[in-house]
Each structure stands twice: as C-alpha cells, then as structure tokens.
C-alpha atoms as a PDB file:
ATOM      1  CA  UNK A   1      15.745 -43.063  26.706  1.00  0.00           C
ATOM      2  CA  UNK A   2      14.024 -39.002  26.514  1.00  0.00           C
ATOM      3  CA  UNK A   3      10.272 -38.240  25.756  1.00  0.00           C
ATOM      4  CA  UNK A   4      10.585 -36.805  22.415  1.00  0.00           C
ATOM      5  CA  UNK A   5       6.852 -36.665  22.313  1.00  0.00           C
ATOM      6  CA  UNK A   6       6.351 -32.664  23.140  1.00  0.00           C
ATOM      7  CA  UNK A   7       8.676 -31.933  20.117  1.00  0.00           C
ATOM      8  CA  UNK A   8       5.921 -34.269  17.355  1.00  0.00           C
ATOM      9  CA  UNK A   9       4.840 -31.542  14.687  1.00  0.00           C
ATOM     10  CA  UNK A  10       7.625 -28.745  15.421  1.00  0.00           C
ATOM     11  CA  UNK A  11       9.668 -29.575  12.664  1.00  0.00           C
ATOM     12  CA  UNK A  12       6.771 -29.449  10.425  1.00  0.00           C
ATOM     13  CA  UNK A  13       5.901 -25.932  12.106  1.00  0.00           C
ATOM     14  CA  UNK A  14       9.189 -24.687  11.608  1.00  0.00           C
ATOM     15  CA  UNK A  15       8.804 -25.375   7.563  1.00  0.00           C
ATOM     16  CA  UNK A  16       6.085 -23.605   7.948  1.00  0.00           C
ATOM     17  CA  UNK A  17       7.717 -20.909   9.043  1.00  0.00           C
ATOM     18  CA  UNK A  18       5.643 -20.698  12.151  1.00  0.00           C
ATOM     19  CA  UNK A  19       7.112 -21.823  16.074  1.00  0.00           C
ATOM     20  CA  UNK A  20       5.065 -23.286  18.800  1.00  0.00           C
ATOM     21  CA  UNK A  21       3.795 -20.589  20.483  1.00  0.00           C
ATOM     22  CA  UNK A  22       3.817 -22.734  23.497  1.00  0.00           C
ATOM     23  CA  UNK A  23       7.677 -21.991  22.978  1.00  0.00           C
ATOM     24  CA  UNK A  24       7.017 -18.435  23.368  1.00  0.00           C
ATOM     25  CA  UNK A  25       7.957 -17.142  19.831  1.00  0.00           C
ATOM     26  CA  UNK A  26       5.240 -15.595  17.764  1.00  0.00           C
ATOM     27  CA  UNK A  27       7.176 -15.996  13.975  1.00  0.00           C
ATOM     28  CA  UNK A  28      10.531 -17.409  12.384  1.00  0.00           C
ATOM     29  CA  UNK A  29      12.442 -14.429  11.848  1.00  0.00           C
ATOM     30  CA  UNK A  30      14.993 -15.079   8.776  1.00  0.00           C
ATOM     31  CA  UNK A  31      18.711 -13.532   8.754  1.00  0.00           C
ATOM     32  CA  UNK A  32      17.123 -10.539   6.732  1.00  0.00           C
ATOM     33  CA  UNK A  33      20.600  -9.205   5.395  1.00  0.00           C
ATOM     34  CA  UNK A  34      18.697  -6.047   4.310  1.00  0.00           C
ATOM     35  CA  UNK A  35      18.801  -3.537   7.981  1.00  0.00           C
ATOM     36  CA  UNK A  36      15.258  -2.044   6.831  1.00  0.00           C
ATOM     37  CA  UNK A  37      13.515  -5.138   6.483  1.00  0.00           C
ATOM     38  CA  UNK A  38      14.821  -6.956   9.652  1.00  0.00           C
ATOM     39  CA  UNK A  39      13.665  -4.095  11.559  1.00  0.00           C
ATOM     40  CA  UNK A  40      10.116  -4.558  10.067  1.00  0.00           C
ATOM     41  CA  UNK A  41      10.661  -8.038  11.075  1.00  0.00           C
ATOM     42  CA  UNK A  42      12.019  -7.300  15.197  1.00  0.00           C
ATOM     43  CA  UNK A  43       9.072  -4.830  15.265  1.00  0.00           C
ATOM     44  CA  UNK A  44       6.254  -7.285  14.119  1.00  0.00           C
ATOM     45  CA  UNK A  45       7.540  -9.475  16.680  1.00  0.00           C
ATOM     46  CA  UNK A  46       7.980  -6.199  19.436  1.00  0.00           C
ATOM     47  CA  UNK A  47       3.941  -6.208  19.057  1.00  0.00           C
ATOM     48  CA  UNK A  48       3.189  -9.726  18.836  1.00  0.00           C
ATOM     49  CA  UNK A  49       2.178 -10.151  15.311  1.00  0.00           C
ATOM     50  CA  UNK A  50       2.791 -13.588  13.352  1.00  0.00           C
ATOM     51  CA  UNK A  51       5.259 -12.868  10.596  1.00  0.00           C
ATOM     52  CA  UNK A  52       4.888 -14.070   6.607  1.00  0.00           C
ATOM     53  CA  UNK A  53       5.959 -17.767   5.246  1.00  0.00           C
ATOM     54  CA  UNK A  54       9.743 -17.765   5.555  1.00  0.00           C
ATOM     55  CA  UNK A  55       9.418 -17.700   1.479  1.00  0.00           C
ATOM     56  CA  UNK A  56       7.267 -15.114   1.777  1.00  0.00           C
ATOM     57  CA  UNK A  57       9.870 -12.746   3.555  1.00  0.00           C
ATOM     58  CA  UNK A  58      12.326 -13.391   0.781  1.00  0.00           C
ATOM     59  CA  UNK A  59      10.272 -11.941  -1.306  1.00  0.00           C
ATOM     60  CA  UNK A  60       9.550  -8.903   0.941  1.00  0.00           C
ATOM     61  CA  UNK A  61      13.308  -8.219   1.639  1.00  0.00           C
ATOM     62  CA  UNK A  62      14.227  -8.199  -1.840  1.00  0.00           C
ATOM     63  CA  UNK A  63      10.673  -6.080  -3.195  1.00  0.00           C
ATOM     64  CA  UNK A  64      12.659  -3.503   0.068  1.00  0.00           C
ATOM     65  CA  UNK A  65      16.680  -4.278  -2.162  1.00  0.00           C
ATOM     66  CA  UNK A  66      14.823  -3.511  -5.689  1.00  0.00           C
ATOM     67  CA  UNK A  67      12.805  -0.444  -4.480  1.00  0.00           C
ATOM     68  CA  UNK A  68      16.412   1.138  -3.559  1.00  0.00           C
ATOM     69  CA  UNK A  69      18.377   0.107  -6.527  1.00  0.00           C
ATOM     70  CA  UNK A  70      15.594   1.601  -8.114  1.00  0.00           C
ATOM     71  CA  UNK A  71      16.158   4.818  -6.066  1.00  0.00           C
ATOM     72  CA  UNK A  72      12.630   4.471  -5.077  1.00  0.00           C
ATOM     73  CA  UNK A  73      12.652   3.372  -0.805  1.00  0.00           C
ATOM     74  CA  UNK A  74      14.551   6.938  -0.384  1.00  0.00           C
ATOM     75  CA  UNK A  75      11.726   8.661  -1.198  1.00  0.00           C
ATOM     76  CA  UNK A  76       8.504   6.792   0.376  1.00  0.00           C
ATOM     77  CA  UNK A  77       7.195   8.797   3.727  1.00  0.00           C
ATOM     78  CA  UNK A  78       5.061   5.431   3.930  1.00  0.00           C
ATOM     79  CA  UNK A  79       4.665   2.307   2.877  1.00  0.00           C
ATOM     80  CA  UNK A  80       2.081  -0.390   3.577  1.00  0.00           C
ATOM     81  CA  UNK A  81       2.414  -4.045   1.828  1.00  0.00           C
ATOM     82  CA  UNK A  82      -1.393  -5.676   2.097  1.00  0.00           C
ATOM     83  CA  UNK A  83      -0.683  -8.277   0.184  1.00  0.00           C
ATOM     84  CA  UNK A  84       0.990 -11.260   2.215  1.00  0.00           C
ATOM     85  CA  UNK A  85       0.416 -14.115   4.281  1.00  0.00           C
ATOM     86  CA  UNK A  86       1.399 -12.981   7.417  1.00  0.00           C
ATOM     87  CA  UNK A  87      -1.441 -11.774   9.942  1.00  0.00           C
ATOM     88  CA  UNK A  88      -3.780  -8.834   9.683  1.00  0.00           C
ATOM     89  CA  UNK A  89      -1.522  -7.385  11.577  1.00  0.00           C
ATOM     90  CA  UNK A  90       1.535  -7.665  10.468  1.00  0.00           C
ATOM     91  CA  UNK A  91      -0.623  -6.322   6.758  1.00  0.00           C
ATOM     92  CA  UNK A  92      -1.320  -3.382   8.812  1.00  0.00           C
ATOM     93  CA  UNK A  93       2.453  -2.404   9.488  1.00  0.00           C
ATOM     94  CA  UNK A  94       4.256   0.902   7.451  1.00  0.00           C
ATOM     95  CA  UNK A  95       7.251  -0.336   7.033  1.00  0.00           C
ATOM     96  CA  UNK A  96       9.003   3.005   6.854  1.00  0.00           C
ATOM     97  CA  UNK A  97       7.824   4.728   9.613  1.00  0.00           C
ATOM     98  CA  UNK A  98       7.318   1.219  11.830  1.00  0.00           C
ATOM     99  CA  UNK A  99       4.151   2.085  13.123  1.00  0.00           C
ATOM    100  CA  UNK A 100       0.585   0.529  12.202  1.00  0.00           C
ATOM    101  CA  UNK A 101      -2.391   1.795  10.042  1.00  0.00           C
ATOM    102  CA  UNK A 102      -5.563   1.368  11.365  1.00  0.00           C
ATOM    103  CA  UNK A 103      -8.183  -0.575  10.411  1.00  0.00           C
ATOM    104  CA  UNK A 104     -11.787   0.978  11.082  1.00  0.00           C
ATOM    105  CA  UNK A 105     -15.104  -0.841  11.036  1.00  0.00           C
ATOM    106  CA  UNK A 106     -13.631  -4.133  10.110  1.00  0.00           C
ATOM    107  CA  UNK A 107     -12.232  -3.830   6.641  1.00  0.00           C
ATOM    108  CA  UNK A 108     -11.757  -7.519   5.376  1.00  0.00           C
ATOM    109  CA  UNK A 109      -8.407  -9.027   5.038  1.00  0.00           C
ATOM    110  CA  UNK A 110      -7.553 -11.420   2.523  1.00  0.00           C
ATOM    111  CA  UNK A 111      -4.218 -13.300   2.579  1.00  0.00           C
ATOM    112  CA  UNK A 112      -1.909 -12.755  -0.637  1.00  0.00           C
ATOM    113  CA  UNK A 113      -4.728 -10.046  -1.484  1.00  0.00           C
ATOM    114  CA  UNK A 114      -5.004  -7.622   1.053  1.00  0.00           C
ATOM    115  CA  UNK A 115      -8.063  -4.849   2.254  1.00  0.00           C
ATOM    116  CA  UNK A 116     -11.470  -4.202   1.103  1.00  0.00           C
ATOM    117  CA  UNK A 117     -14.278  -2.381   2.376  1.00  0.00           C
ATOM    118  CA  UNK A 118     -17.640  -2.894   3.019  1.00  0.00           C
ATOM    119  CA  UNK A 119     -18.707  -0.246   0.415  1.00  0.00           C
ATOM    120  CA  UNK A 120     -20.502   1.495   3.350  1.00  0.00           C
ATOM    121  CA  UNK A 121     -18.711   2.262   6.698  1.00  0.00           C
ATOM    122  CA  UNK A 122     -15.207   0.589   6.872  1.00  0.00           C
ATOM    123  CA  UNK A 123     -11.982   1.802   6.155  1.00  0.00           C
ATOM    124  CA  UNK A 124      -8.122   2.518   6.577  1.00  0.00           C
ATOM    125  CA  UNK A 125      -6.234   4.782   8.758  1.00  0.00           C
ATOM    126  CA  UNK A 126      -2.572   5.518   8.045  1.00  0.00           C
ATOM    127  CA  UNK A 127      -2.299   7.576  10.412  1.00  0.00           C
ATOM    128  CA  UNK A 128       0.161   9.746   8.523  1.00  0.00           C
ATOM    129  CA  UNK A 129      -0.851  13.429   8.588  1.00  0.00           C
ATOM    130  CA  UNK A 130       0.142  15.302   5.169  1.00  0.00           C
ATOM    131  CA  UNK A 131       1.405  18.064   6.707  1.00  0.00           C
ATOM    132  CA  UNK A 132       2.809  17.167   9.938  1.00  0.00           C
ATOM    133  CA  UNK A 133       4.437  13.726   9.502  1.00  0.00           C
ATOM    134  CA  UNK A 134       5.539  14.919   5.467  1.00  0.00           C
ATOM    135  CA  UNK A 135       9.553  14.118   5.158  1.00  0.00           C
ATOM    136  CA  UNK A 136       9.846  13.352   1.642  1.00  0.00           C
ATOM    137  CA  UNK A 137       6.261  14.268   0.352  1.00  0.00           C
ATOM    138  CA  UNK A 138       6.358  17.673  -0.053  1.00  0.00           C
ATOM    139  CA  UNK A 139       3.666  21.034  -1.343  1.00  0.00           C
ATOM    140  CA  UNK A 140       4.811  20.884  -5.035  1.00  0.00           C
ATOM    141  CA  UNK A 141       7.091  17.415  -4.762  1.00  0.00           C
ATOM    142  CA  UNK A 142       4.705  14.554  -3.950  1.00  0.00           C
ATOM    143  CA  UNK A 143       3.915  11.266  -4.693  1.00  0.00           C
ATOM    144  CA  UNK A 144       0.755   8.513  -3.916  1.00  0.00           C
ATOM    145  CA  UNK A 145       0.775   5.088  -5.569  1.00  0.00           C
ATOM    146  CA  UNK A 146      -1.695   2.153  -4.778  1.00  0.00           C
ATOM    147  CA  UNK A 147      -2.004  -1.591  -6.419  1.00  0.00           C
ATOM    148  CA  UNK A 148      -5.729  -2.838  -6.434  1.00  0.00           C
ATOM    149  CA  UNK A 149      -5.763  -6.761  -6.593  1.00  0.00           C
ATOM    150  CA  UNK A 150      -8.971  -6.877  -7.356  1.00  0.00           C
ATOM    151  CA  UNK A 151     -11.350  -3.938  -9.272  1.00  0.00           C
ATOM    152  CA  UNK A 152     -14.674  -3.321 -10.074  1.00  0.00           C
ATOM    153  CA  UNK A 153     -16.104  -0.042 -11.484  1.00  0.00           C
ATOM    154  CA  UNK A 154     -18.177   2.211  -9.040  1.00  0.00           C
ATOM    155  CA  UNK A 155     -19.377   5.604  -9.139  1.00  0.00           C
ATOM    156  CA  UNK A 156     -17.841   8.563  -6.934  1.00  0.00           C
ATOM    157  CA  UNK A 157     -15.561   6.345  -4.224  1.00  0.00           C
ATOM    158  CA  UNK A 158     -12.438   6.880  -3.267  1.00  0.00           C
ATOM    159  CA  UNK A 159      -9.196   5.067  -3.239  1.00  0.00           C
ATOM    160  CA  UNK A 160      -7.587   7.381  -0.906  1.00  0.00           C
ATOM    161  CA  UNK A 161      -8.260  10.894   1.002  1.00  0.00           C
ATOM    162  CA  UNK A 162      -7.518  13.658   2.756  1.00  0.00           C
ATOM    163  CA  UNK A 163      -9.807  15.884   4.215  1.00  0.00           C
ATOM    164  CA  UNK A 164     -11.280  17.759   1.390  1.00  0.00           C
ATOM    165  CA  UNK A 165     -10.399  17.785  -2.669  1.00  0.00           C
ATOM    166  CA  UNK A 166      -6.831  18.513  -2.557  1.00  0.00           C
ATOM    167  CA  UNK A 167      -5.620  15.297  -2.486  1.00  0.00           C
ATOM    168  CA  UNK A 168      -7.562  12.184  -3.390  1.00  0.00           C
ATOM    169  CA  UNK A 169      -7.818   9.326  -5.948  1.00  0.00           C
ATOM    170  CA  UNK A 170     -11.570   8.487  -7.057  1.00  0.00           C
ATOM    171  CA  UNK A 171     -13.764   6.701  -9.064  1.00  0.00           C
ATOM    172  CA  UNK A 172     -16.262   8.242 -11.052  1.00  0.00           C
ATOM    173  CA  UNK A 173     -18.359   6.778 -13.078  1.00  0.00           C
ATOM    174  CA  UNK A 174     -16.077   5.671 -16.150  1.00  0.00           C
ATOM    175  CA  UNK A 175     -13.068   7.954 -15.321  1.00  0.00           C
ATOM    176  CA  UNK A 176     -10.026   8.581 -12.224  1.00  0.00           C
ATOM    177  CA  UNK A 177      -9.749  11.712 -11.073  1.00  0.00           C
ATOM    178  CA  UNK A 178      -6.418  12.730  -9.305  1.00  0.00           C
ATOM    179  CA  UNK A 179      -5.876  15.135  -7.141  1.00  0.00           C
ATOM    180  CA  UNK A 180      -2.331  15.980  -5.587  1.00  0.00           C
ATOM    181  CA  UNK A 181      -1.901  19.491  -3.920  1.00  0.00           C
ATOM    182  CA  UNK A 182      -4.119  20.941  -5.718  1.00  0.00           C
ATOM    183  CA  UNK A 183      -7.128  22.548  -6.197  1.00  0.00           C
ATOM    184  CA  UNK A 184      -8.498  20.762 -10.070  1.00  0.00           C
ATOM    185  CA  UNK A 185      -7.911  16.945 -10.690  1.00  0.00           C
ATOM    186  CA  UNK A 186      -6.784  14.842 -13.615  1.00  0.00           C
ATOM    187  CA  UNK A 187      -8.908  13.047 -15.466  1.00  0.00           C
ATOM    188  CA  UNK A 188      -7.614   9.287 -16.635  1.00  0.00           C
ATOM    189  CA  UNK A 189      -9.917   6.762 -18.479  1.00  0.00           C
ATOM    190  CA  UNK A 190      -9.993   3.905 -16.109  1.00  0.00           C
ATOM    191  CA  UNK A 191     -10.435   0.048 -16.652  1.00  0.00           C
ATOM    192  CA  UNK A 192     -13.644  -1.028 -16.138  1.00  0.00           C
ATOM    193  CA  UNK A 193     -13.464  -4.281 -14.084  1.00  0.00           C
ATOM    194  CA  UNK A 194     -10.159  -5.021 -14.821  1.00  0.00           C
ATOM    195  CA  UNK A 195      -7.986  -6.527 -11.924  1.00  0.00           C
ATOM    196  CA  UNK A 196      -4.278  -6.214 -11.141  1.00  0.00           C
ATOM    197  CA  UNK A 197      -4.191  -2.092 -11.524  1.00  0.00           C
ATOM    198  CA  UNK A 198      -1.436   0.345 -10.237  1.00  0.00           C
ATOM    199  CA  UNK A 199      -1.606   3.930  -9.767  1.00  0.00           C
ATOM    200  CA  UNK A 200       0.377   6.896  -9.382  1.00  0.00           C
ATOM    201  CA  UNK A 201      -0.303  10.310  -8.554  1.00  0.00           C
ATOM    202  CA  UNK A 202       2.406  13.116  -8.603  1.00  0.00           C
ATOM    203  CA  UNK A 203       2.574  16.807  -8.027  1.00  0.00           C
ATOM    204  CA  UNK A 204       6.061  17.540  -9.972  1.00  0.00           C
ATOM    205  CA  UNK A 205       5.995  20.753  -9.463  1.00  0.00           C
ATOM    206  CA  UNK A 206       4.012  24.480  -8.640  1.00  0.00           C
ATOM    207  CA  UNK A 207       2.028  24.756 -11.900  1.00  0.00           C
ATOM    208  CA  UNK A 208       1.779  20.756 -13.018  1.00  0.00           C
ATOM    209  CA  UNK A 209       0.245  17.047 -11.156  1.00  0.00           C
ATOM    210  CA  UNK A 210       0.286  14.138 -13.355  1.00  0.00           C
ATOM    211  CA  UNK A 211      -1.577  10.646 -13.098  1.00  0.00           C
ATOM    212  CA  UNK A 212      -0.681   6.935 -14.208  1.00  0.00           C
ATOM    213  CA  UNK A 213      -3.117   3.984 -14.524  1.00  0.00           C
ATOM    214  CA  UNK A 214      -1.528   0.535 -15.389  1.00  0.00           C
ATOM    215  CA  UNK A 215      -3.601  -2.058 -15.860  1.00  0.00           C
ATOM    216  CA  UNK A 216      -1.782  -6.077 -15.496  1.00  0.00           C
ATOM    217  CA  UNK A 217      -4.622  -7.027 -16.627  1.00  0.00           C
ATOM    218  CA  UNK A 218      -5.173  -5.315 -19.671  1.00  0.00           C
ATOM    219  CA  UNK A 219      -1.792  -4.840 -20.460  1.00  0.00           C
ATOM    220  CA  UNK A 220      -2.307  -1.512 -21.223  1.00  0.00           C
ATOM    221  CA  UNK A 221      -0.953   2.067 -19.763  1.00  0.00           C
ATOM    222  CA  UNK A 222      -2.982   5.335 -19.245  1.00  0.00           C
ATOM    223  CA  UNK A 223      -1.125   8.624 -18.359  1.00  0.00           C
ATOM    224  CA  UNK A 224      -1.530  12.584 -18.690  1.00  0.00           C
ATOM    225  CA  UNK A 225      -0.704  15.615 -16.690  1.00  0.00           C
ATOM    226  CA  UNK A 226      -2.631  18.865 -15.717  1.00  0.00           C
ATOM    227  CA  UNK A 227      -1.924  22.299 -15.061  1.00  0.00           C
ATOM    228  CA  UNK A 228      -3.162  23.405 -11.617  1.00  0.00           C
ATOM    229  CA  UNK A 229      -1.548  25.685  -9.108  1.00  0.00           C
ATOM    230  CA  UNK A 230      -0.344  23.736  -5.737  1.00  0.00           C
ATOM    231  CA  UNK A 231      -2.316  24.640  -2.927  1.00  0.00           C
ATOM    232  CA  UNK A 232      -1.075  24.410   1.012  1.00  0.00           C
ATOM    233  CA  UNK A 233      -0.591  20.932   3.251  1.00  0.00           C
ATOM    234  CA  UNK A 234      -3.047  19.794   4.551  1.00  0.00           C
ATOM    235  CA  UNK A 235      -3.341  19.238   8.450  1.00  0.00           C
ATOM    236  CA  UNK A 236      -5.381  16.162   8.086  1.00  0.00           C
ATOM    237  CA  UNK A 237      -4.573  11.868   8.110  1.00  0.00           C
ATOM    238  CA  UNK A 238      -4.736  10.322   5.031  1.00  0.00           C
ATOM    239  CA  UNK A 239      -7.456   7.390   4.931  1.00  0.00           C
ATOM    240  CA  UNK A 240      -7.638   4.406   2.415  1.00  0.00           C
ATOM    241  CA  UNK A 241     -10.421   2.871   0.833  1.00  0.00           C
ATOM    242  CA  UNK A 242     -12.448   6.009   1.465  1.00  0.00           C
ATOM    243  CA  UNK A 243     -13.012   9.415   0.327  1.00  0.00           C
ATOM    244  CA  UNK A 244     -13.943  12.492   2.404  1.00  0.00           C
ATOM    245  CA  UNK A 245     -15.752  14.990   0.942  1.00  0.00           C
ATOM    246  CA  UNK A 246     -19.183  16.139   1.867  1.00  0.00           C
ATOM    247  CA  UNK A 247     -20.266  12.774   1.884  1.00  0.00           C
ATOM    248  CA  UNK A 248     -18.356  10.105   2.668  1.00  0.00           C
ATOM    249  CA  UNK A 249     -17.901   7.456  -0.511  1.00  0.00           C
ATOM    250  CA  UNK A 250     -16.502   4.298   0.243  1.00  0.00           C
ATOM    251  CA  UNK A 251     -14.398   1.580  -1.826  1.00  0.00           C
ATOM    252  CA  UNK A 252     -16.592  -0.457  -3.760  1.00  0.00           C
ATOM    253  CA  UNK A 253     -16.403  -3.441  -1.635  1.00  0.00           C
ATOM    254  CA  UNK A 254     -15.678  -5.814  -4.493  1.00  0.00           C
ATOM    255  CA  UNK A 255     -11.945  -3.740  -4.339  1.00  0.00           C
ATOM    256  CA  UNK A 256      -9.460  -5.014  -2.986  1.00  0.00           C
ATOM    257  CA  UNK A 257      -5.908  -2.709  -1.988  1.00  0.00           C
ATOM    258  CA  UNK A 258      -2.714  -4.342  -1.859  1.00  0.00           C
ATOM    259  CA  UNK A 259      -0.627  -1.647  -1.420  1.00  0.00           C
ATOM    260  CA  UNK A 260      -0.095   1.694  -0.436  1.00  0.00           C
ATOM    261  CA  UNK A 261       2.924   4.336  -0.734  1.00  0.00           C
ATOM    262  CA  UNK A 262       3.236   8.273  -0.311  1.00  0.00           C
ATOM    263  CA  UNK A 263       6.442  10.379  -0.684  1.00  0.00           C
ATOM    264  CA  UNK A 264       7.694  12.320  -3.260  1.00  0.00           C
ATOM    265  CA  UNK A 265       6.714  12.317  -6.746  1.00  0.00           C
ATOM    266  CA  UNK A 266       7.550   9.465  -9.069  1.00  0.00           C
ATOM    267  CA  UNK A 267       9.446   9.747 -12.944  1.00  0.00           C
ATOM    268  CA  UNK A 268       8.611   7.626 -15.473  1.00  0.00           C
ATOM    269  CA  UNK A 269      11.331   5.626 -15.300  1.00  0.00           C
ATOM    270  CA  UNK A 270      10.698   5.346 -11.093  1.00  0.00           C
ATOM    271  CA  UNK A 271       6.941   4.308 -12.138  1.00  0.00           C
ATOM    272  CA  UNK A 272       8.045   1.545 -14.645  1.00  0.00           C
ATOM    273  CA  UNK A 273      10.440   0.335 -12.112  1.00  0.00           C
ATOM    274  CA  UNK A 274       8.097   0.116  -8.971  1.00  0.00           C
ATOM    275  CA  UNK A 275       5.236  -1.792 -11.696  1.00  0.00           C
ATOM    276  CA  UNK A 276       8.045  -4.185 -12.301  1.00  0.00           C
ATOM    277  CA  UNK A 277       9.422  -4.500  -9.053  1.00  0.00           C
ATOM    278  CA  UNK A 278       5.484  -4.552  -7.416  1.00  0.00           C
ATOM    279  CA  UNK A 279       3.852  -6.762  -9.882  1.00  0.00           C
ATOM    280  CA  UNK A 280       6.454  -9.464 -11.937  1.00  0.00           C
ATOM    281  CA  UNK A 281       9.017  -9.845  -8.909  1.00  0.00           C
ATOM    282  CA  UNK A 282       6.715  -9.891  -5.447  1.00  0.00           C
ATOM    283  CA  UNK A 283       3.185 -10.094  -6.310  1.00  0.00           C
ATOM    284  CA  UNK A 284       3.051 -13.055  -9.202  1.00  0.00           C
ATOM    285  CA  UNK A 285       5.284 -15.159  -6.728  1.00  0.00           C
ATOM    286  CA  UNK A 286       2.785 -15.140  -4.120  1.00  0.00           C
END
C-alpha cells in the first residue's frame, strides 16, 4: 500500500491558502476573474512573495471590482494595499503598475493593518516620480487618498511628501495641511487620536484644491477647499510616512498606514464611494 505520510498536513496548508514550499509553490492563487487582480497575484508569485489567504484574495478582488464600478480604478496611477495578511513583500506591491514600493530603514509591517515608521528614520519610497510617471495625475487634475489604520496626533509629521512643499499632507499641532501642486496649503481640523481615518487631497483646477478627512471611529467628516494657483509638476519620487522639507519629519511611530493611492482628482461622490468600498466592504472584513 502506498505511503501517504509525505502528504500529512497538506490539506491543512491548502485550507490556509499556503502550499508546502517543498512543492515549489509560495502560495495558492485562486482563480481570479478580474484580470487586474489576476495580474497582481501572478506578479507576486513570479517574485516569490507569500500570497494573502484565500479568503482575503476574494476581498481584494472585490475591492478592485468595486473601485472599477465606482469609476475610480481607471483614475489611478498607483495603488497599494498595506492592510493584508500576505507577507511584507506582497504589501509593498503597486497594484496598478505591478512594481514594488521600497521599505527604507525597516518600517514595521503589521498584518492586516499596514506600515508605521519608527518616527526617526524609516519610511516607504513609492518609486513613483510625480513628473516622469504621471499618467492620470496632472498639474491641474490630481488626487491622492490614504487610510490610517491607527492615528495619533503629532506636530509637523508627514503622511506623504514630495521634495518640497507643493505636494504633501502633514499633521501640524491640531490641523492637517493639504498641498497638491500648489504653493499654498488647505488647513482642515483633524480628529485627534482617532483611529481609522481616510484622507483625500485633490487639485480640481488650475486655481483650486480641496481636501476631505473622514474618521470612521468618530463617524464624522471634515472637508474644505482653497483658491490657490497650480505650480509646475515636480521631478521627484513620492515618499510615505515622511515629510521632506528643510528638515525630515517622519510620521509618528504610533500611526499605521493601511493604504495609499494617487491619480486624477475625485469628486465628492467618488470619495464617498471609496470610503464605503475601502472601509465597509474591505477593511472591516479582514
């Protein structure tokens, strides 16, 4: 009679979505129907990254489908989901460009939550140059949104940044400062020490920017706009968990970033759709 001892534990690993590495497979790719998510999984496998669980792959594919239905996916130049149970390498994949972000000085990765800086030196390099790599992101039509799984107020800290003050979002004392392709910033009151917040910053024309912050924990939204002339696109990569200016201001180590996206501007309806798609359909189901 055949000895099946070599397969003991195989079914358990299969159920968990991970095949034995001795079979030469890093993770089990489900039969994704959406072509863009299928490419994300195939890219991860080609790089030897550990895939998310089978159940989470279902959520992630639906995330893309929902963003497409809302008209948002086609507006994105870069999109990364840090809140995942795949490994740290999978968390750094840019789902749009099928390239990788780079973790600098070992930011901490927490499964299903995302990345946080040590507050002094660690950050994430997107490897997305605002001038060279821009497709949807343009001088007079630009949008950025990001989700903080955990958030702690801190003075003069950056969520994301380019080389100078025309493209970044930072916390400073008790307000958020939004800069998008312009020399002036929009100030919005933030939700102090309130976890699970999503931030939107848009350049809607050559003369106007707007911003929006929703705290899911506080069940409240702050939004506003500012008249400010657009400036030229910047030849610099965008970095996360950091503000680059005359000095470097790293995001508070207690803040965890769960997602980042950049592309063309989003209108109010699209921002509301993203909030529902990301938080209710995806994040709450992790």
